[in-house]
PDB file of N, CA and C in Angstrom:
ATOM      1  N   SER A   1      28.816  -7.744  25.565  1.00  0.00           N
ATOM      2  CA  SER A   1      30.081  -8.013  24.909  1.00  0.00           C
ATOM      3  C   SER A   1      30.709  -6.713  24.426  1.00  0.00           C
ATOM      4  N   LEU A   2      31.998  -6.747  24.225  1.00  0.00           N
ATOM      5  CA  LEU A   2      32.736  -5.566  23.795  1.00  0.00           C
ATOM      6  C   LEU A   2      32.178  -5.008  22.488  1.00  0.00           C
ATOM      7  N   GLN A   3      32.024  -5.853  21.496  1.00  0.00           N
ATOM      8  CA  GLN A   3      31.568  -5.396  20.188  1.00  0.00           C
ATOM      9  C   GLN A   3      30.113  -4.923  20.207  1.00  0.00           C
ATOM     10  N   LYS A   4      29.306  -5.494  21.064  1.00  0.00           N
ATOM     11  CA  LYS A   4      27.900  -5.083  21.148  1.00  0.00           C
ATOM     12  C   LYS A   4      27.789  -3.634  21.609  1.00  0.00           C
ATOM     13  N   TYR A   5      28.546  -3.281  22.640  1.00  0.00           N
ATOM     14  CA  TYR A   5      28.440  -1.947  23.208  1.00  0.00           C
ATOM     15  C   TYR A   5      29.470  -0.958  22.678  1.00  0.00           C
ATOM     16  N   PHE A   6      30.561  -1.464  22.137  1.00  0.00           N
ATOM     17  CA  PHE A   6      31.619  -0.606  21.586  1.00  0.00           C
ATOM     18  C   PHE A   6      32.057  -1.161  20.229  1.00  0.00           C
ATOM     19  N   PRO A   7      31.239  -0.956  19.206  1.00  0.00           N
ATOM     20  CA  PRO A   7      31.575  -1.495  17.883  1.00  0.00           C
ATOM     21  C   PRO A   7      32.963  -1.037  17.428  1.00  0.00           C
ATOM     22  N   ASN A   8      33.712  -1.958  16.857  1.00  0.00           N
ATOM     23  CA  ASN A   8      35.057  -1.727  16.321  1.00  0.00           C
ATOM     24  C   ASN A   8      36.135  -1.525  17.383  1.00  0.00           C
ATOM     25  N   ALA A   9      35.788  -1.686  18.657  1.00  0.00           N
ATOM     26  CA  ALA A   9      36.802  -1.590  19.707  1.00  0.00           C
ATOM     27  C   ALA A   9      37.715  -2.808  19.638  1.00  0.00           C
ATOM     28  N   LEU A  10      38.979  -2.615  19.987  1.00  0.00           N
ATOM     29  CA  LEU A  10      39.929  -3.720  20.002  1.00  0.00           C
ATOM     30  C   LEU A  10      39.945  -4.384  21.378  1.00  0.00           C
ATOM     31  N   PRO A  11      40.050  -5.697  21.413  1.00  0.00           N
ATOM     32  CA  PRO A  11      40.191  -6.362  22.713  1.00  0.00           C
ATOM     33  C   PRO A  11      41.550  -6.034  23.333  1.00  0.00           C
ATOM     34  N   SER A  12      41.663  -6.248  24.621  1.00  0.00           N
ATOM     35  CA  SER A  12      42.884  -5.917  25.364  1.00  0.00           C
ATOM     36  C   SER A  12      44.140  -6.494  24.734  1.00  0.00           C
ATOM     37  N   LYS A  13      44.106  -7.762  24.381  1.00  0.00           N
ATOM     38  CA  LYS A  13      45.306  -8.405  23.844  1.00  0.00           C
ATOM     39  C   LYS A  13      45.762  -7.743  22.539  1.00  0.00           C
ATOM     40  N   ALA A  14      44.811  -7.420  21.670  1.00  0.00           N
ATOM     41  CA  ALA A  14      45.163  -6.768  20.403  1.00  0.00           C
ATOM     42  C   ALA A  14      45.738  -5.373  20.653  1.00  0.00           C
ATOM     43  N   THR A  15      45.158  -4.641  21.590  1.00  0.00           N
ATOM     44  CA  THR A  15      45.667  -3.312  21.936  1.00  0.00           C
ATOM     45  C   THR A  15      47.084  -3.417  22.481  1.00  0.00           C
ATOM     46  N   HIS A  16      47.292  -4.372  23.374  1.00  0.00           N
ATOM     47  CA  HIS A  16      48.638  -4.569  23.934  1.00  0.00           C
ATOM     48  C   HIS A  16      49.649  -4.931  22.847  1.00  0.00           C
ATOM     49  N   LEU A  17      49.305  -5.840  21.974  1.00  0.00           N
ATOM     50  CA  LEU A  17      50.246  -6.249  20.929  1.00  0.00           C
ATOM     51  C   LEU A  17      50.607  -5.085  20.013  1.00  0.00           C
ATOM     52  N   ARG A  18      49.645  -4.225  19.714  1.00  0.00           N
ATOM     53  CA  ARG A  18      49.939  -3.066  18.862  1.00  0.00           C
ATOM     54  C   ARG A  18      50.840  -2.059  19.569  1.00  0.00           C
ATOM     55  N   THR A  19      50.516  -1.750  20.812  1.00  0.00           N
ATOM     56  CA  THR A  19      51.347  -0.780  21.526  1.00  0.00           C
ATOM     57  C   THR A  19      52.730  -1.348  21.804  1.00  0.00           C
ATOM     58  N   LYS A  20      52.799  -2.632  22.127  1.00  0.00           N
ATOM     59  CA  LYS A  20      54.086  -3.284  22.378  1.00  0.00           C
ATOM     60  C   LYS A  20      54.972  -3.216  21.139  1.00  0.00           C
ATOM     61  N   ALA A  21      54.404  -3.459  19.978  1.00  0.00           N
ATOM     62  CA  ALA A  21      55.182  -3.424  18.737  1.00  0.00           C
ATOM     63  C   ALA A  21      55.786  -2.034  18.517  1.00  0.00           C
ATOM     64  N   VAL A  22      55.003  -0.994  18.710  1.00  0.00           N
ATOM     65  CA  VAL A  22      55.509   0.367  18.519  1.00  0.00           C
ATOM     66  C   VAL A  22      56.566   0.698  19.567  1.00  0.00           C
ATOM     67  N   LEU A  23      56.275   0.403  20.833  1.00  0.00           N
ATOM     68  CA  LEU A  23      57.221   0.734  21.899  1.00  0.00           C
ATOM     69  C   LEU A  23      58.547  -0.005  21.743  1.00  0.00           C
ATOM     70  N   GLU A  24      58.484  -1.256  21.334  1.00  0.00           N
ATOM     71  CA  GLU A  24      59.723  -2.030  21.175  1.00  0.00           C
ATOM     72  C   GLU A  24      60.471  -1.670  19.900  1.00  0.00           C
ATOM     73  N   GLU A  25      59.762  -1.645  18.780  1.00  0.00           N
ATOM     74  CA  GLU A  25      60.420  -1.439  17.492  1.00  0.00           C
ATOM     75  C   GLU A  25      60.896  -0.006  17.298  1.00  0.00           C
ATOM     76  N   GLU A  26      60.110   0.958  17.734  1.00  0.00           N
ATOM     77  CA  GLU A  26      60.465   2.355  17.484  1.00  0.00           C
ATOM     78  C   GLU A  26      61.245   3.003  18.622  1.00  0.00           C
ATOM     79  N   PHE A  27      61.060   2.489  19.853  1.00  0.00           N
ATOM     80  CA  PHE A  27      61.672   3.167  20.993  1.00  0.00           C
ATOM     81  C   PHE A  27      62.553   2.271  21.857  1.00  0.00           C
ATOM     82  N   GLY A  28      62.581   0.975  21.589  1.00  0.00           N
ATOM     83  CA  GLY A  28      63.453   0.072  22.322  1.00  0.00           C
ATOM     84  C   GLY A  28      62.984  -0.305  23.721  1.00  0.00           C
ATOM     85  N   PHE A  29      61.714  -0.090  24.034  1.00  0.00           N
ATOM     86  CA  PHE A  29      61.186  -0.483  25.345  1.00  0.00           C
ATOM     87  C   PHE A  29      61.097  -2.006  25.416  1.00  0.00           C
ATOM     88  N   THR A  30      61.535  -2.570  26.514  1.00  0.00           N
ATOM     89  CA  THR A  30      61.424  -4.009  26.750  1.00  0.00           C
ATOM     90  C   THR A  30      61.002  -4.212  28.207  1.00  0.00           C
ATOM     91  N   PRO A  31      60.565  -5.409  28.561  1.00  0.00           N
ATOM     92  CA  PRO A  31      60.241  -5.665  29.968  1.00  0.00           C
ATOM     93  C   PRO A  31      61.442  -5.453  30.892  1.00  0.00           C
ATOM     94  N   GLU A  32      62.629  -5.643  30.377  1.00  0.00           N
ATOM     95  CA  GLU A  32      63.837  -5.505  31.190  1.00  0.00           C
ATOM     96  C   GLU A  32      64.208  -4.049  31.478  1.00  0.00           C
ATOM     97  N   ASN A  33      63.799  -3.119  30.610  1.00  0.00           N
ATOM     98  CA  ASN A  33      64.215  -1.732  30.817  1.00  0.00           C
ATOM     99  C   ASN A  33      63.044  -0.772  31.031  1.00  0.00           C
ATOM    100  N   THR A  34      61.862  -1.309  31.295  1.00  0.00           N
ATOM    101  CA  THR A  34      60.678  -0.467  31.375  1.00  0.00           C
ATOM    102  C   THR A  34      59.897  -0.701  32.653  1.00  0.00           C
ATOM    103  N   LEU A  35      59.536   0.377  33.311  1.00  0.00           N
ATOM    104  CA  LEU A  35      58.588   0.345  34.418  1.00  0.00           C
ATOM    105  C   LEU A  35      57.286   0.920  33.882  1.00  0.00           C
ATOM    106  N   LEU A  36      56.265   0.128  33.882  1.00  0.00           N
ATOM    107  CA  LEU A  36      54.976   0.555  33.349  1.00  0.00           C
ATOM    108  C   LEU A  36      54.237   1.376  34.391  1.00  0.00           C
ATOM    109  N   GLY A  37      54.003   2.639  34.082  1.00  0.00           N
ATOM    110  CA  GLY A  37      53.183   3.500  34.930  1.00  0.00           C
ATOM    111  C   GLY A  37      51.800   3.553  34.315  1.00  0.00           C
ATOM    112  N   SER A  38      50.790   3.175  35.087  1.00  0.00           N
ATOM    113  CA  SER A  38      49.449   3.137  34.516  1.00  0.00           C
ATOM    114  C   SER A  38      48.542   4.160  35.161  1.00  0.00           C
ATOM    115  N   SER A  39      47.667   4.721  34.357  1.00  0.00           N
ATOM    116  CA  SER A  39      46.644   5.615  34.874  1.00  0.00           C
ATOM    117  C   SER A  39      45.272   5.119  34.440  1.00  0.00           C
ATOM    118  N   PHE A  40      45.138   3.797  34.409  1.00  0.00           N
ATOM    119  CA  PHE A  40      43.840   3.207  34.114  1.00  0.00           C
ATOM    120  C   PHE A  40      42.880   3.526  35.249  1.00  0.00           C
ATOM    121  N   CYS A  41      41.638   3.704  34.930  1.00  0.00           N
ATOM    122  CA  CYS A  41      40.621   3.927  35.953  1.00  0.00           C
ATOM    123  C   CYS A  41      40.620   2.732  36.905  1.00  0.00           C
ATOM    124  N   PRO A  42      40.624   2.964  38.207  1.00  0.00           N
ATOM    125  CA  PRO A  42      40.694   1.857  39.160  1.00  0.00           C
ATOM    126  C   PRO A  42      39.370   1.137  39.360  1.00  0.00           C
ATOM    127  N   ASP A  43      38.474   1.275  38.427  1.00  0.00           N
ATOM    128  CA  ASP A  43      37.167   0.635  38.513  1.00  0.00           C
ATOM    129  C   ASP A  43      37.287  -0.881  38.528  1.00  0.00           C
ATOM    130  N   GLU A  44      36.254  -1.542  38.970  1.00  0.00           N
ATOM    131  CA  GLU A  44      36.293  -3.003  39.047  1.00  0.00           C
ATOM    132  C   GLU A  44      36.423  -3.673  37.688  1.00  0.00           C
ATOM    133  N   ILE A  45      36.100  -2.980  36.622  1.00  0.00           N
ATOM    134  CA  ILE A  45      36.228  -3.568  35.288  1.00  0.00           C
ATOM    135  C   ILE A  45      37.692  -3.837  34.937  1.00  0.00           C
ATOM    136  N   ASN A  46      38.605  -3.167  35.619  1.00  0.00           N
ATOM    137  CA  ASN A  46      40.028  -3.308  35.320  1.00  0.00           C
ATOM    138  C   ASN A  46      40.732  -4.311  36.221  1.00  0.00           C
ATOM    139  N   HIS A  47      40.021  -5.245  36.756  1.00  0.00           N
ATOM    140  CA  HIS A  47      40.636  -6.226  37.644  1.00  0.00           C
ATOM    141  C   HIS A  47      40.243  -7.644  37.251  1.00  0.00           C
ATOM    142  N   HIS A  48      40.324  -7.917  35.971  1.00  0.00           N
ATOM    143  CA  HIS A  48      40.011  -9.239  35.445  1.00  0.00           C
ATOM    144  C   HIS A  48      41.203  -9.716  34.627  1.00  0.00           C
ATOM    145  N   GLY A  49      41.328 -11.000  34.460  1.00  0.00           N
ATOM    146  CA  GLY A  49      42.490 -11.579  33.799  1.00  0.00           C
ATOM    147  C   GLY A  49      42.747 -11.130  32.381  1.00  0.00           C
ATOM    148  N   ARG A  50      41.732 -10.643  31.690  1.00  0.00           N
ATOM    149  CA  ARG A  50      41.915 -10.260  30.291  1.00  0.00           C
ATOM    150  C   ARG A  50      41.876  -8.754  30.074  1.00  0.00           C
ATOM    151  N   ASP A  51      41.811  -7.955  31.149  1.00  0.00           N
ATOM    152  CA  ASP A  51      41.762  -6.509  30.956  1.00  0.00           C
ATOM    153  C   ASP A  51      43.148  -5.983  30.576  1.00  0.00           C
ATOM    154  N   LEU A  52      43.187  -4.796  29.993  1.00  0.00           N
ATOM    155  CA  LEU A  52      44.451  -4.254  29.483  1.00  0.00           C
ATOM    156  C   LEU A  52      45.506  -4.063  30.571  1.00  0.00           C
ATOM    157  N   PRO A  53      45.167  -3.512  31.736  1.00  0.00           N
ATOM    158  CA  PRO A  53      46.217  -3.385  32.764  1.00  0.00           C
ATOM    159  C   PRO A  53      46.836  -4.724  33.159  1.00  0.00           C
ATOM    160  N   THR A  54      46.008  -5.755  33.257  1.00  0.00           N
ATOM    161  CA  THR A  54      46.523  -7.081  33.637  1.00  0.00           C
ATOM    162  C   THR A  54      47.388  -7.663  32.529  1.00  0.00           C
ATOM    163  N   VAL A  55      46.945  -7.553  31.288  1.00  0.00           N
ATOM    164  CA  VAL A  55      47.719  -8.066  30.154  1.00  0.00           C
ATOM    165  C   VAL A  55      49.079  -7.366  30.093  1.00  0.00           C
ATOM    166  N   MET A  56      49.082  -6.046  30.276  1.00  0.00           N
ATOM    167  CA  MET A  56      50.341  -5.297  30.208  1.00  0.00           C
ATOM    168  C   MET A  56      51.234  -5.610  31.407  1.00  0.00           C
ATOM    169  N   ARG A  57      50.650  -5.732  32.594  1.00  0.00           N
ATOM    170  CA  ARG A  57      51.443  -6.077  33.780  1.00  0.00           C
ATOM    171  C   ARG A  57      52.053  -7.472  33.622  1.00  0.00           C
ATOM    172  N   ASN A  58      51.302  -8.401  33.070  1.00  0.00           N
ATOM    173  CA  ASN A  58      51.836  -9.746  32.855  1.00  0.00           C
ATOM    174  C   ASN A  58      53.023  -9.724  31.901  1.00  0.00           C
ATOM    175  N   TYR A  59      53.022  -8.814  30.956  1.00  0.00           N
ATOM    176  CA  TYR A  59      54.134  -8.726  30.006  1.00  0.00           C
ATOM    177  C   TYR A  59      55.325  -7.972  30.600  1.00  0.00           C
ATOM    178  N   TYR A  60      55.055  -6.796  31.165  1.00  0.00           N
ATOM    179  CA  TYR A  60      56.155  -5.966  31.670  1.00  0.00           C
ATOM    180  C   TYR A  60      56.657  -6.400  33.042  1.00  0.00           C
ATOM    181  N   GLY A  61      55.891  -7.197  33.757  1.00  0.00           N
ATOM    182  CA  GLY A  61      56.349  -7.758  35.014  1.00  0.00           C
ATOM    183  C   GLY A  61      55.937  -6.998  36.249  1.00  0.00           C
ATOM    184  N   LYS A  62      55.767  -5.716  36.138  1.00  0.00           N
ATOM    185  CA  LYS A  62      55.298  -4.931  37.271  1.00  0.00           C
ATOM    186  C   LYS A  62      54.636  -3.668  36.748  1.00  0.00           C
ATOM    187  N   ILE A  63      53.924  -3.014  37.637  1.00  0.00           N
ATOM    188  CA  ILE A  63      53.188  -1.828  37.236  1.00  0.00           C
ATOM    189  C   ILE A  63      53.225  -0.826  38.384  1.00  0.00           C
ATOM    190  N   PHE A  64      53.329   0.446  38.062  1.00  0.00           N
ATOM    191  CA  PHE A  64      53.255   1.499  39.072  1.00  0.00           C
ATOM    192  C   PHE A  64      51.916   2.189  38.873  1.00  0.00           C
ATOM    193  N   PRO A  65      50.956   1.924  39.751  1.00  0.00           N
ATOM    194  CA  PRO A  65      49.624   2.521  39.572  1.00  0.00           C
ATOM    195  C   PRO A  65      49.628   4.007  39.923  1.00  0.00           C
ATOM    196  N   MET A  66      49.119   4.815  39.005  1.00  0.00           N
ATOM    197  CA  MET A  66      49.095   6.256  39.202  1.00  0.00           C
ATOM    198  C   MET A  66      47.669   6.782  39.305  1.00  0.00           C
ATOM    199  N   GLY A  67      46.714   5.859  39.417  1.00  0.00           N
ATOM    200  CA  GLY A  67      45.322   6.289  39.470  1.00  0.00           C
ATOM    201  C   GLY A  67      44.934   6.966  38.175  1.00  0.00           C
ATOM    202  N   GLY A  68      43.698   7.245  38.002  1.00  0.00           N
ATOM    203  CA  GLY A  68      43.312   7.983  36.817  1.00  0.00           C
ATOM    204  C   GLY A  68      41.861   7.811  36.454  1.00  0.00           C
ATOM    205  N   ILE A  69      41.358   8.800  35.822  1.00  0.00           N
ATOM    206  CA  ILE A  69      40.023   8.779  35.239  1.00  0.00           C
ATOM    207  C   ILE A  69      40.200   9.240  33.802  1.00  0.00           C
ATOM    208  N   GLY A  70      39.756   8.455  32.865  1.00  0.00           N
ATOM    209  CA  GLY A  70      39.885   8.835  31.464  1.00  0.00           C
ATOM    210  C   GLY A  70      41.314   8.817  30.961  1.00  0.00           C
ATOM    211  N   GLY A  71      42.195   8.103  31.643  1.00  0.00           N
ATOM    212  CA  GLY A  71      43.570   7.983  31.186  1.00  0.00           C
ATOM    213  C   GLY A  71      44.524   9.029  31.721  1.00  0.00           C
ATOM    214  N   ALA A  72      44.012  10.026  32.426  1.00  0.00           N
ATOM    215  CA  ALA A  72      44.889  11.068  32.982  1.00  0.00           C
ATOM    216  C   ALA A  72      45.283  10.695  34.410  1.00  0.00           C
ATOM    217  N   PRO A  73      46.587  10.579  34.678  1.00  0.00           N
ATOM    218  CA  PRO A  73      47.009  10.234  36.040  1.00  0.00           C
ATOM    219  C   PRO A  73      46.669  11.353  37.015  1.00  0.00           C
ATOM    220  N   TYR A  74      46.336  10.999  38.240  1.00  0.00           N
ATOM    221  CA  TYR A  74      46.027  12.033  39.221  1.00  0.00           C
ATOM    222  C   TYR A  74      46.849  11.898  40.495  1.00  0.00           C
ATOM    223  N   VAL A  75      48.095  11.536  40.353  1.00  0.00           N
ATOM    224  CA  VAL A  75      48.961  11.370  41.521  1.00  0.00           C
ATOM    225  C   VAL A  75      49.635  12.673  41.939  1.00  0.00           C
ATOM    226  N   GLY A  76      49.648  13.663  41.085  1.00  0.00           N
ATOM    227  CA  GLY A  76      50.273  14.930  41.427  1.00  0.00           C
ATOM    228  C   GLY A  76      51.784  14.864  41.410  1.00  0.00           C
ATOM    229  N   GLU A  77      52.396  15.934  41.857  1.00  0.00           N
ATOM    230  CA  GLU A  77      53.852  16.053  41.846  1.00  0.00           C
ATOM    231  C   GLU A  77      54.520  14.976  42.699  1.00  0.00           C
ATOM    232  N   THR A  78      53.949  14.697  43.859  1.00  0.00           N
ATOM    233  CA  THR A  78      54.519  13.685  44.745  1.00  0.00           C
ATOM    234  C   THR A  78      54.454  12.300  44.112  1.00  0.00           C
ATOM    235  N   GLY A  79      53.341  11.991  43.463  1.00  0.00           N
ATOM    236  CA  GLY A  79      53.199  10.696  42.804  1.00  0.00           C
ATOM    237  C   GLY A  79      54.179  10.517  41.657  1.00  0.00           C
ATOM    238  N   PHE A  80      54.364  11.568  40.868  1.00  0.00           N
ATOM    239  CA  PHE A  80      55.340  11.477  39.776  1.00  0.00           C
ATOM    240  C   PHE A  80      56.763  11.338  40.317  1.00  0.00           C
ATOM    241  N   ALA A  81      57.047  11.986  41.431  1.00  0.00           N
ATOM    242  CA  ALA A  81      58.369  11.842  42.052  1.00  0.00           C
ATOM    243  C   ALA A  81      58.561  10.410  42.542  1.00  0.00           C
ATOM    244  N   ALA A  82      57.519   9.836  43.139  1.00  0.00           N
ATOM    245  CA  ALA A  82      57.605   8.445  43.604  1.00  0.00           C
ATOM    246  C   ALA A  82      57.812   7.503  42.419  1.00  0.00           C
ATOM    247  N   PHE A  83      57.067   7.713  41.349  1.00  0.00           N
ATOM    248  CA  PHE A  83      57.213   6.900  40.143  1.00  0.00           C
ATOM    249  C   PHE A  83      58.638   7.009  39.610  1.00  0.00           C
ATOM    250  N   SER A  84      59.145   8.224  39.502  1.00  0.00           N
ATOM    251  CA  SER A  84      60.491   8.450  38.975  1.00  0.00           C
ATOM    252  C   SER A  84      61.551   7.761  39.817  1.00  0.00           C
ATOM    253  N   SER A  85      61.331   7.689  41.122  1.00  0.00           N
ATOM    254  CA  SER A  85      62.318   7.068  41.986  1.00  0.00           C
ATOM    255  C   SER A  85      62.404   5.553  41.798  1.00  0.00           C
ATOM    256  N   HIS A  86      61.403   4.971  41.151  1.00  0.00           N
ATOM    257  CA  HIS A  86      61.402   3.531  40.903  1.00  0.00           C
ATOM    258  C   HIS A  86      61.998   3.156  39.542  1.00  0.00           C
ATOM    259  N   VAL A  87      62.226   4.135  38.689  1.00  0.00           N
ATOM    260  CA  VAL A  87      62.773   3.849  37.361  1.00  0.00           C
ATOM    261  C   VAL A  87      64.265   3.555  37.495  1.00  0.00           C
ATOM    262  N   ALA A  88      64.674   2.445  36.931  1.00  0.00           N
ATOM    263  CA  ALA A  88      66.089   2.053  36.994  1.00  0.00           C
ATOM    264  C   ALA A  88      66.953   2.985  36.158  1.00  0.00           C
ATOM    265  N   ASP A  89      68.251   3.061  36.502  1.00  0.00           N
ATOM    266  CA  ASP A  89      69.178   3.823  35.676  1.00  0.00           C
ATOM    267  C   ASP A  89      69.140   3.287  34.265  1.00  0.00           C
ATOM    268  N   ASN A  90      69.092   4.182  33.296  1.00  0.00           N
ATOM    269  CA  ASN A  90      69.016   3.833  31.877  1.00  0.00           C
ATOM    270  C   ASN A  90      67.726   3.105  31.532  1.00  0.00           C
ATOM    271  N   GLY A  91      66.731   3.215  32.378  1.00  0.00           N
ATOM    272  CA  GLY A  91      65.437   2.593  32.110  1.00  0.00           C
ATOM    273  C   GLY A  91      64.517   3.531  31.360  1.00  0.00           C
ATOM    274  N   ASP A  92      63.442   2.977  30.863  1.00  0.00           N
ATOM    275  CA  ASP A  92      62.447   3.770  30.129  1.00  0.00           C
ATOM    276  C   ASP A  92      61.234   3.979  30.996  1.00  0.00           C
TER     277      ASP A  92
END
């Protein structure tokens, strides 16, 4: 279980709700104006209905996977250019 191996860790839903509150209240990010770029590790642990990438994708509607280990994207200059080309005008 999460708490057994990572004491005091927050579950995915709680993490999403906290980040969503900050992004919406302080910066105006919404599902309508935001393309979520993720650099979650592509490990099999991140492909379940309750994992953070899935919870966030379900809220924001789509996700641009940028690969990553430890949260750092590894798509390089070309990947960031591809990501940027998908962001809508006046989008976040």
